[in-house]
Amino acid sequence: MPGLSVVIVTQNEQDRIKQCLESVAWADEIIIVDAFSTDKTVEICRSFTDKIYSRQWDGFIPQKNHALSLATKEWVLSLDADEQLSEQLMTGIKGVISDQSSDCVAYSMPRKTYYLGRWMLHSGWYPDRKIRLVRNGSAAWGGLEPHDNLKVHGKICDLDGDILHYSFRNLSHHIRKLDYFTDAASSELVKSGRHAGMKDMVMHPAGMFLKMFILKKGFMDGIQGFVAASVSAFHVFMKYAKAWERDERNKETGNVKGYGQR
């Protein structure tokens, strides 16, 4: 059926979901897959759509693929609860929906992140293009947790206009997300057979900081750029440190092929 479905997965996003939904309120269909939120997320969503489904959280990739499977319109836009459409991007998406002559089955768009009071325009955080608009049935979420991405079968084109990304509420929130993401990343590292050591914990974080702050001109993002580069370096350190920790635990338990759970 012609038109646009917007699909969003949520879990306790009462402070951000309204702005996200307001930016796509014009869509033909909005689908929410909620992981049993305990705040007012679902209540807020009900003022925008009645297509709200509850599903136990089992990872970004399966959750987003389930949401994608529920879409009924010709085009599907996947958004996170902490994202909004800029006016320019909204106009571009409406143009795609109304243009039946294009042979593109998916569109990428730049994503701009608001971090500690500043829009990040360097540091490798921008333009951070993401494929989010696809013809129904032409793509599925893949990748390795927690770094999901849409795998597209067909031609991908570019759109102008930003996804506005309000990823971190504050620095403490960034650190909490880091802890969650490095749990998942270290698990994938160990499952792949990769063994982490001190060299990884020293060299890779240093490389990340230099890449972001110097090579990607993070210094032009001011103190926020310095903080982002520092936290990202710590993120890399924790990924390898947790992978090492899991390896050590596996040696103690004799589970040489498995990996520990946190």
C-alpha atoms as a PDB file:
ATOM      1  CA  MET A   1       0.000   0.000   0.000  1.00  0.00           C
ATOM      2  CA  PRO A   2       1.419   3.447  -0.901  1.00  0.00           C
ATOM      3  CA  GLY A   3       2.542   5.739   1.892  1.00  0.00           C
ATOM      4  CA  LEU A   4       4.967   5.778   4.793  1.00  0.00           C
ATOM      5  CA  SER A   5       5.222   3.584   7.887  1.00  0.00           C
ATOM      6  CA  VAL A   6       7.403   4.831  10.735  1.00  0.00           C
ATOM      7  CA  VAL A   7       8.693   2.133  13.084  1.00  0.00           C
ATOM      8  CA  ILE A   8      10.231   2.882  16.488  1.00  0.00           C
ATOM      9  CA  VAL A   9      11.413   0.607  19.293  1.00  0.00           C
ATOM     10  CA  THR A  10      11.121   1.980  22.819  1.00  0.00           C
ATOM     11  CA  GLN A  11      11.919   1.264  26.432  1.00  0.00           C
ATOM     12  CA  ASN A  12      11.480   3.952  29.108  1.00  0.00           C
ATOM     13  CA  GLU A  13      11.802   6.941  26.780  1.00  0.00           C
ATOM     14  CA  GLN A  14       9.169   9.258  28.289  1.00  0.00           C
ATOM     15  CA  ASP A  15      11.465  12.298  28.156  1.00  0.00           C
ATOM     16  CA  ARG A  16      12.318  11.944  24.443  1.00  0.00           C
ATOM     17  CA  ILE A  17       9.644  10.015  22.586  1.00  0.00           C
ATOM     18  CA  LYS A  18       7.162  12.895  22.230  1.00  0.00           C
ATOM     19  CA  GLN A  19       9.565  15.051  20.212  1.00  0.00           C
ATOM     20  CA  CYS A  20      10.406  12.074  18.021  1.00  0.00           C
ATOM     21  CA  LEU A  21       6.742  11.347  17.327  1.00  0.00           C
ATOM     22  CA  GLU A  22       5.892  14.990  16.685  1.00  0.00           C
ATOM     23  CA  SER A  23       8.427  15.052  13.853  1.00  0.00           C
ATOM     24  CA  VAL A  24       6.708  12.099  12.093  1.00  0.00           C
ATOM     25  CA  ALA A  25       3.090  12.750  13.057  1.00  0.00           C
ATOM     26  CA  TRP A  26       2.302  13.343   9.364  1.00  0.00           C
ATOM     27  CA  ALA A  27       3.191   9.741   8.412  1.00  0.00           C
ATOM     28  CA  ASP A  28       0.480   7.331   7.262  1.00  0.00           C
ATOM     29  CA  GLU A  29       1.317   4.794   9.960  1.00  0.00           C
ATOM     30  CA  ILE A  30       3.350   4.852  13.182  1.00  0.00           C
ATOM     31  CA  ILE A  31       4.293   1.531  14.779  1.00  0.00           C
ATOM     32  CA  ILE A  32       5.775   1.276  18.270  1.00  0.00           C
ATOM     33  CA  VAL A  33       7.403  -1.886  19.608  1.00  0.00           C
ATOM     34  CA  ASP A  34       7.844  -1.325  23.327  1.00  0.00           C
ATOM     35  CA  ALA A  35       9.950  -3.460  25.643  1.00  0.00           C
ATOM     36  CA  PHE A  36       7.540  -3.228  28.598  1.00  0.00           C
ATOM     37  CA  SER A  37       8.354   0.327  29.626  1.00  0.00           C
ATOM     38  CA  THR A  38       7.660   1.152  33.271  1.00  0.00           C
ATOM     39  CA  ASP A  39       7.374   4.918  32.754  1.00  0.00           C
ATOM     40  CA  LYS A  40       4.887   6.949  30.659  1.00  0.00           C
ATOM     41  CA  THR A  41       6.349   6.006  27.268  1.00  0.00           C
ATOM     42  CA  VAL A  42       3.358   3.965  26.116  1.00  0.00           C
ATOM     43  CA  GLU A  43       0.876   6.539  27.406  1.00  0.00           C
ATOM     44  CA  ILE A  44       2.611   9.248  25.362  1.00  0.00           C
ATOM     45  CA  CYS A  45       2.726   7.031  22.278  1.00  0.00           C
ATOM     46  CA  ARG A  46      -1.030   6.408  22.477  1.00  0.00           C
ATOM     47  CA  SER A  47      -1.661  10.069  21.694  1.00  0.00           C
ATOM     48  CA  PHE A  48       0.015   9.522  18.297  1.00  0.00           C
ATOM     49  CA  THR A  49      -0.868   5.932  17.334  1.00  0.00           C
ATOM     50  CA  ASP A  50      -2.873   2.901  18.376  1.00  0.00           C
ATOM     51  CA  LYS A  51      -0.360   0.494  16.820  1.00  0.00           C
ATOM     52  CA  ILE A  52       1.656  -0.232  19.958  1.00  0.00           C
ATOM     53  CA  TYR A  53       3.049  -3.718  20.512  1.00  0.00           C
ATOM     54  CA  SER A  54       4.774  -5.114  23.591  1.00  0.00           C
ATOM     55  CA  ARG A  55       7.782  -7.378  23.119  1.00  0.00           C
ATOM     56  CA  GLN A  56      10.425  -8.559  25.534  1.00  0.00           C
ATOM     57  CA  TRP A  57      13.769  -6.938  24.722  1.00  0.00           C
ATOM     58  CA  ASP A  58      16.232  -9.417  23.209  1.00  0.00           C
ATOM     59  CA  GLY A  59      18.619  -7.076  21.434  1.00  0.00           C
ATOM     60  CA  PHE A  60      18.504  -4.174  18.995  1.00  0.00           C
ATOM     61  CA  ILE A  61      18.601  -6.310  15.859  1.00  0.00           C
ATOM     62  CA  PRO A  62      15.702  -8.718  16.600  1.00  0.00           C
ATOM     63  CA  GLN A  63      13.641  -5.910  18.140  1.00  0.00           C
ATOM     64  CA  LYS A  64      14.042  -3.661  15.097  1.00  0.00           C
ATOM     65  CA  ASN A  65      13.439  -6.496  12.637  1.00  0.00           C
ATOM     66  CA  HIS A  66      10.187  -7.306  14.430  1.00  0.00           C
ATOM     67  CA  ALA A  67       9.119  -3.659  14.148  1.00  0.00           C
ATOM     68  CA  LEU A  68      10.053  -3.678  10.450  1.00  0.00           C
ATOM     69  CA  SER A  69       7.906  -6.766   9.858  1.00  0.00           C
ATOM     70  CA  LEU A  70       4.802  -4.967  11.157  1.00  0.00           C
ATOM     71  CA  ALA A  71       4.943  -2.132   8.610  1.00  0.00           C
ATOM     72  CA  THR A  72       2.198  -2.180   5.961  1.00  0.00           C
ATOM     73  CA  LYS A  73       3.061   0.808   3.743  1.00  0.00           C
ATOM     74  CA  GLU A  74       5.269   0.955   0.653  1.00  0.00           C
ATOM     75  CA  TRP A  75       8.037   2.889   2.420  1.00  0.00           C
ATOM     76  CA  VAL A  76       9.358   2.332   5.943  1.00  0.00           C
ATOM     77  CA  LEU A  77      11.299   4.821   8.058  1.00  0.00           C
ATOM     78  CA  SER A  78      13.122   3.377  11.079  1.00  0.00           C
ATOM     79  CA  LEU A  79      13.878   5.808  13.887  1.00  0.00           C
ATOM     80  CA  ASP A  80      15.227   5.518  17.405  1.00  0.00           C
ATOM     81  CA  ALA A  81      13.305   7.168  20.229  1.00  0.00           C
ATOM     82  CA  ASP A  82      16.109   9.701  20.732  1.00  0.00           C
ATOM     83  CA  GLU A  83      15.955  10.895  17.107  1.00  0.00           C
ATOM     84  CA  GLN A  84      13.876  13.515  15.285  1.00  0.00           C
ATOM     85  CA  LEU A  85      13.538  14.658  11.681  1.00  0.00           C
ATOM     86  CA  SER A  86      14.758  18.094  10.671  1.00  0.00           C
ATOM     87  CA  GLU A  87      12.424  20.151   8.478  1.00  0.00           C
ATOM     88  CA  GLN A  88      14.723  19.665   5.470  1.00  0.00           C
ATOM     89  CA  LEU A  89      14.795  15.903   5.904  1.00  0.00           C
ATOM     90  CA  MET A  90      11.030  15.780   6.383  1.00  0.00           C
ATOM     91  CA  THR A  91      10.595  17.555   3.048  1.00  0.00           C
ATOM     92  CA  GLY A  92      13.037  15.181   1.352  1.00  0.00           C
ATOM     93  CA  ILE A  93      11.264  12.080   2.641  1.00  0.00           C
ATOM     94  CA  LYS A  94       7.890  13.387   1.486  1.00  0.00           C
ATOM     95  CA  GLY A  95       9.436  13.905  -1.946  1.00  0.00           C
ATOM     96  CA  VAL A  96      10.615  10.282  -2.073  1.00  0.00           C
ATOM     97  CA  ILE A  97       7.174   8.990  -1.098  1.00  0.00           C
ATOM     98  CA  SER A  98       5.466  10.959  -3.856  1.00  0.00           C
ATOM     99  CA  ASP A  99       8.050  10.105  -6.573  1.00  0.00           C
ATOM    100  CA  GLN A 100       7.165   6.791  -8.211  1.00  0.00           C
ATOM    101  CA  SER A 101       9.901   7.012 -10.872  1.00  0.00           C
ATOM    102  CA  SER A 102      12.992   6.433  -8.730  1.00  0.00           C
ATOM    103  CA  ASP A 103      14.805   3.083  -8.866  1.00  0.00           C
ATOM    104  CA  CYS A 104      16.226   3.578  -5.361  1.00  0.00           C
ATOM    105  CA  VAL A 105      15.052   1.075  -2.748  1.00  0.00           C
ATOM    106  CA  ALA A 106      16.731   2.784   0.214  1.00  0.00           C
ATOM    107  CA  TYR A 107      17.992   6.205   1.270  1.00  0.00           C
ATOM    108  CA  SER A 108      20.735   7.278   3.620  1.00  0.00           C
ATOM    109  CA  MET A 109      20.677  10.555   5.523  1.00  0.00           C
ATOM    110  CA  PRO A 110      23.155  12.440   7.729  1.00  0.00           C
ATOM    111  CA  ARG A 111      22.728  12.259  11.494  1.00  0.00           C
ATOM    112  CA  LYS A 112      23.738  15.157  13.725  1.00  0.00           C
ATOM    113  CA  THR A 113      24.254  14.527  17.441  1.00  0.00           C
ATOM    114  CA  TYR A 114      23.591  16.998  20.261  1.00  0.00           C
ATOM    115  CA  TYR A 115      26.145  16.384  22.989  1.00  0.00           C
ATOM    116  CA  LEU A 116      26.480  18.223  26.302  1.00  0.00           C
ATOM    117  CA  GLY A 117      24.921  21.415  24.957  1.00  0.00           C
ATOM    118  CA  ARG A 118      26.510  21.454  21.497  1.00  0.00           C
ATOM    119  CA  TRP A 119      25.844  20.087  18.012  1.00  0.00           C
ATOM    120  CA  MET A 120      28.852  17.941  17.135  1.00  0.00           C
ATOM    121  CA  LEU A 121      30.042  18.790  13.614  1.00  0.00           C
ATOM    122  CA  HIS A 122      33.441  17.071  13.745  1.00  0.00           C
ATOM    123  CA  SER A 123      35.009  14.255  15.828  1.00  0.00           C
ATOM    124  CA  GLY A 124      33.848  11.690  13.269  1.00  0.00           C
ATOM    125  CA  TRP A 125      30.299  12.169  14.572  1.00  0.00           C
ATOM    126  CA  TYR A 126      29.065  14.080  11.531  1.00  0.00           C
ATOM    127  CA  PRO A 127      27.702  13.517   8.929  1.00  0.00           C
ATOM    128  CA  ASP A 128      27.399   9.928  10.279  1.00  0.00           C
ATOM    129  CA  ARG A 129      25.120   8.820   7.422  1.00  0.00           C
ATOM    130  CA  LYS A 130      22.510   6.209   8.271  1.00  0.00           C
ATOM    131  CA  ILE A 131      20.245   4.156   6.016  1.00  0.00           C
ATOM    132  CA  ARG A 132      16.795   4.547   7.533  1.00  0.00           C
ATOM    133  CA  LEU A 133      14.274   4.888   4.688  1.00  0.00           C
ATOM    134  CA  VAL A 134      13.623   1.690   2.712  1.00  0.00           C
ATOM    135  CA  ARG A 135      11.040   0.162   0.438  1.00  0.00           C
ATOM    136  CA  ASN A 136       9.049  -2.384   2.392  1.00  0.00           C
ATOM    137  CA  GLY A 137      10.616  -5.816   2.019  1.00  0.00           C
ATOM    138  CA  SER A 138      13.936  -4.599   0.603  1.00  0.00           C
ATOM    139  CA  ALA A 139      16.008  -4.561   3.803  1.00  0.00           C
ATOM    140  CA  ALA A 140      16.574  -6.201   7.166  1.00  0.00           C
ATOM    141  CA  TRP A 141      18.553  -5.248  10.248  1.00  0.00           C
ATOM    142  CA  GLY A 142      21.891  -6.992  10.683  1.00  0.00           C
ATOM    143  CA  GLY A 143      25.370  -6.366  12.061  1.00  0.00           C
ATOM    144  CA  LEU A 144      26.738  -7.235  15.481  1.00  0.00           C
ATOM    145  CA  GLU A 145      25.104  -6.114  18.706  1.00  0.00           C
ATOM    146  CA  PRO A 146      24.951  -3.323  19.629  1.00  0.00           C
ATOM    147  CA  HIS A 147      26.003  -1.878  16.254  1.00  0.00           C
ATOM    148  CA  ASP A 148      22.989  -2.634  14.092  1.00  0.00           C
ATOM    149  CA  ASN A 149      22.576  -1.512  10.485  1.00  0.00           C
ATOM    150  CA  LEU A 150      20.155  -2.053   7.651  1.00  0.00           C
ATOM    151  CA  LYS A 151      21.233  -4.588   5.018  1.00  0.00           C
ATOM    152  CA  VAL A 152      19.669  -3.486   1.733  1.00  0.00           C
ATOM    153  CA  HIS A 153      18.953  -5.473  -1.429  1.00  0.00           C
ATOM    154  CA  GLY A 154      19.036  -2.870  -4.185  1.00  0.00           C
ATOM    155  CA  LYS A 155      20.139   0.649  -5.010  1.00  0.00           C
ATOM    156  CA  ILE A 156      20.845   3.088  -2.173  1.00  0.00           C
ATOM    157  CA  CYS A 157      20.585   6.853  -2.723  1.00  0.00           C
ATOM    158  CA  ASP A 158      21.317   9.858  -0.523  1.00  0.00           C
ATOM    159  CA  LEU A 159      18.984  12.393   1.054  1.00  0.00           C
ATOM    160  CA  ASP A 160      19.911  15.795   2.453  1.00  0.00           C
ATOM    161  CA  GLY A 161      18.624  17.062   5.778  1.00  0.00           C
ATOM    162  CA  ASP A 162      19.638  15.754   9.183  1.00  0.00           C
ATOM    163  CA  ILE A 163      18.326  13.229  11.620  1.00  0.00           C
ATOM    164  CA  LEU A 164      18.622  15.161  14.886  1.00  0.00           C
ATOM    165  CA  HIS A 165      20.110  12.818  17.471  1.00  0.00           C
ATOM    166  CA  TYR A 166      19.730  13.478  21.197  1.00  0.00           C
ATOM    167  CA  SER A 167      21.647  10.382  22.213  1.00  0.00           C
ATOM    168  CA  PHE A 168      23.004  11.250  25.659  1.00  0.00           C
ATOM    169  CA  ARG A 169      20.976  13.053  28.282  1.00  0.00           C
ATOM    170  CA  ASN A 170      24.152  13.930  30.193  1.00  0.00           C
ATOM    171  CA  LEU A 171      27.634  12.560  30.851  1.00  0.00           C
ATOM    172  CA  SER A 172      26.392  10.033  33.413  1.00  0.00           C
ATOM    173  CA  HIS A 173      23.936   8.688  30.836  1.00  0.00           C
ATOM    174  CA  HIS A 174      26.791   8.364  28.335  1.00  0.00           C
ATOM    175  CA  ILE A 175      28.810   6.296  30.821  1.00  0.00           C
ATOM    176  CA  ARG A 176      25.814   4.052  31.597  1.00  0.00           C
ATOM    177  CA  LYS A 177      25.260   3.405  27.883  1.00  0.00           C
ATOM    178  CA  LEU A 178      28.977   2.748  27.486  1.00  0.00           C
ATOM    179  CA  ASP A 179      28.780   0.040  30.139  1.00  0.00           C
ATOM    180  CA  TYR A 180      25.857  -1.634  28.371  1.00  0.00           C
ATOM    181  CA  PHE A 181      27.392  -1.395  24.894  1.00  0.00           C
ATOM    182  CA  THR A 182      30.798  -2.689  25.980  1.00  0.00           C
ATOM    183  CA  ASP A 183      29.144  -5.711  27.582  1.00  0.00           C
ATOM    184  CA  ALA A 184      27.639  -6.601  24.210  1.00  0.00           C
ATOM    185  CA  ALA A 185      30.773  -5.720  22.206  1.00  0.00           C
ATOM    186  CA  SER A 186      33.099  -7.743  24.448  1.00  0.00           C
ATOM    187  CA  SER A 187      30.765 -10.749  24.171  1.00  0.00           C
ATOM    188  CA  GLU A 188      30.914 -10.578  20.383  1.00  0.00           C
ATOM    189  CA  LEU A 189      34.705 -10.211  20.520  1.00  0.00           C
ATOM    190  CA  VAL A 190      35.133 -13.341  22.631  1.00  0.00           C
ATOM    191  CA  LYS A 191      32.610 -15.315  20.581  1.00  0.00           C
ATOM    192  CA  SER A 192      34.647 -14.522  17.464  1.00  0.00           C
ATOM    193  CA  GLY A 193      37.701 -16.135  19.063  1.00  0.00           C
ATOM    194  CA  ARG A 194      39.565 -12.856  19.520  1.00  0.00           C
ATOM    195  CA  HIS A 195      41.767 -12.756  22.625  1.00  0.00           C
ATOM    196  CA  ALA A 196      42.376  -9.338  24.207  1.00  0.00           C
ATOM    197  CA  GLY A 197      45.554  -8.362  26.029  1.00  0.00           C
ATOM    198  CA  MET A 198      47.363  -5.376  27.477  1.00  0.00           C
ATOM    199  CA  LYS A 199      48.476  -4.191  24.029  1.00  0.00           C
ATOM    200  CA  ASP A 200      44.840  -3.912  22.959  1.00  0.00           C
ATOM    201  CA  MET A 201      43.949  -2.018  26.137  1.00  0.00           C
ATOM    202  CA  VAL A 202      46.765   0.498  25.560  1.00  0.00           C
ATOM    203  CA  MET A 203      47.027   0.951  21.798  1.00  0.00           C
ATOM    204  CA  HIS A 204      43.404   0.884  20.658  1.00  0.00           C
ATOM    205  CA  PRO A 205      42.098   3.507  23.139  1.00  0.00           C
ATOM    206  CA  ALA A 206      45.027   5.813  22.342  1.00  0.00           C
ATOM    207  CA  GLY A 207      44.352   5.368  18.644  1.00  0.00           C
ATOM    208  CA  MET A 208      40.684   6.188  19.122  1.00  0.00           C
ATOM    209  CA  PHE A 209      41.466   9.410  21.002  1.00  0.00           C
ATOM    210  CA  LEU A 210      43.975  10.582  18.384  1.00  0.00           C
ATOM    211  CA  LYS A 211      41.613   9.704  15.547  1.00  0.00           C
ATOM    212  CA  MET A 212      38.675  11.597  17.012  1.00  0.00           C
ATOM    213  CA  PHE A 213      40.376  14.603  18.532  1.00  0.00           C
ATOM    214  CA  ILE A 214      43.146  15.204  15.970  1.00  0.00           C
ATOM    215  CA  LEU A 215      42.461  13.452  12.665  1.00  0.00           C
ATOM    216  CA  LYS A 216      38.672  14.028  12.785  1.00  0.00           C
ATOM    217  CA  LYS A 217      39.187  17.570  14.159  1.00  0.00           C
ATOM    218  CA  GLY A 218      37.365  16.982  17.421  1.00  0.00           C
ATOM    219  CA  PHE A 219      39.257  19.975  18.833  1.00  0.00           C
ATOM    220  CA  MET A 220      36.931  22.113  16.700  1.00  0.00           C
ATOM    221  CA  ASP A 221      34.003  20.839  18.777  1.00  0.00           C
ATOM    222  CA  GLY A 222      35.504  22.527  21.835  1.00  0.00           C
ATOM    223  CA  ILE A 223      35.520  20.904  25.249  1.00  0.00           C
ATOM    224  CA  GLN A 224      32.659  18.666  24.137  1.00  0.00           C
ATOM    225  CA  GLY A 225      34.979  17.289  21.457  1.00  0.00           C
ATOM    226  CA  PHE A 226      37.643  16.573  24.061  1.00  0.00           C
ATOM    227  CA  VAL A 227      35.138  14.870  26.370  1.00  0.00           C
ATOM    228  CA  ALA A 228      33.688  12.814  23.492  1.00  0.00           C
ATOM    229  CA  ALA A 229      37.139  11.645  22.401  1.00  0.00           C
ATOM    230  CA  SER A 230      38.096  10.776  25.983  1.00  0.00           C
ATOM    231  CA  VAL A 231      34.913   8.816  26.689  1.00  0.00           C
ATOM    232  CA  SER A 232      35.180   7.044  23.334  1.00  0.00           C
ATOM    233  CA  ALA A 233      38.756   6.025  24.189  1.00  0.00           C
ATOM    234  CA  PHE A 234      37.489   4.695  27.521  1.00  0.00           C
ATOM    235  CA  HIS A 235      34.750   2.841  25.635  1.00  0.00           C
ATOM    236  CA  VAL A 236      37.388   1.047  23.572  1.00  0.00           C
ATOM    237  CA  PHE A 237      39.454   0.298  26.686  1.00  0.00           C
ATOM    238  CA  MET A 238      36.439  -1.211  28.457  1.00  0.00           C
ATOM    239  CA  LYS A 239      35.545  -3.354  25.446  1.00  0.00           C
ATOM    240  CA  TYR A 240      38.962  -5.011  25.441  1.00  0.00           C
ATOM    241  CA  ALA A 241      39.237  -5.103  29.245  1.00  0.00           C
ATOM    242  CA  LYS A 242      35.881  -6.880  29.513  1.00  0.00           C
ATOM    243  CA  ALA A 243      36.894  -9.280  26.733  1.00  0.00           C
ATOM    244  CA  TRP A 244      40.069 -10.093  28.679  1.00  0.00           C
ATOM    245  CA  GLU A 245      38.001 -10.531  31.849  1.00  0.00           C
ATOM    246  CA  ARG A 246      35.655 -12.947  30.069  1.00  0.00           C
ATOM    247  CA  ASP A 247      38.614 -14.933  28.756  1.00  0.00           C
ATOM    248  CA  GLU A 248      40.036 -15.224  32.265  1.00  0.00           C
ATOM    249  CA  ARG A 249      36.673 -16.336  33.644  1.00  0.00           C
ATOM    250  CA  ASN A 250      36.364 -18.938  30.893  1.00  0.00           C
ATOM    251  CA  LYS A 251      39.798 -20.325  31.783  1.00  0.00           C
ATOM    252  CA  GLU A 252      38.720 -20.672  35.403  1.00  0.00           C
ATOM    253  CA  THR A 253      35.495 -22.484  34.495  1.00  0.00           C
ATOM    254  CA  GLY A 254      36.969 -24.488  31.632  1.00  0.00           C
ATOM    255  CA  ASN A 255      34.464 -22.988  29.215  1.00  0.00           C
ATOM    256  CA  VAL A 256      37.044 -22.343  26.505  1.00  0.00           C
ATOM    257  CA  LYS A 257      34.521 -22.063  23.677  1.00  0.00           C
ATOM    258  CA  GLY A 258      31.886 -20.052  25.493  1.00  0.00           C
ATOM    259  CA  TYR A 259      31.934 -16.690  27.127  1.00  0.00           C
ATOM    260  CA  GLY A 260      30.861 -15.419  30.485  1.00  0.00           C
ATOM    261  CA  GLN A 261      27.692 -13.537  31.291  1.00  0.00           C
ATOM    262  CA  ARG A 262      27.560 -10.311  33.204  1.00  0.00           C
END
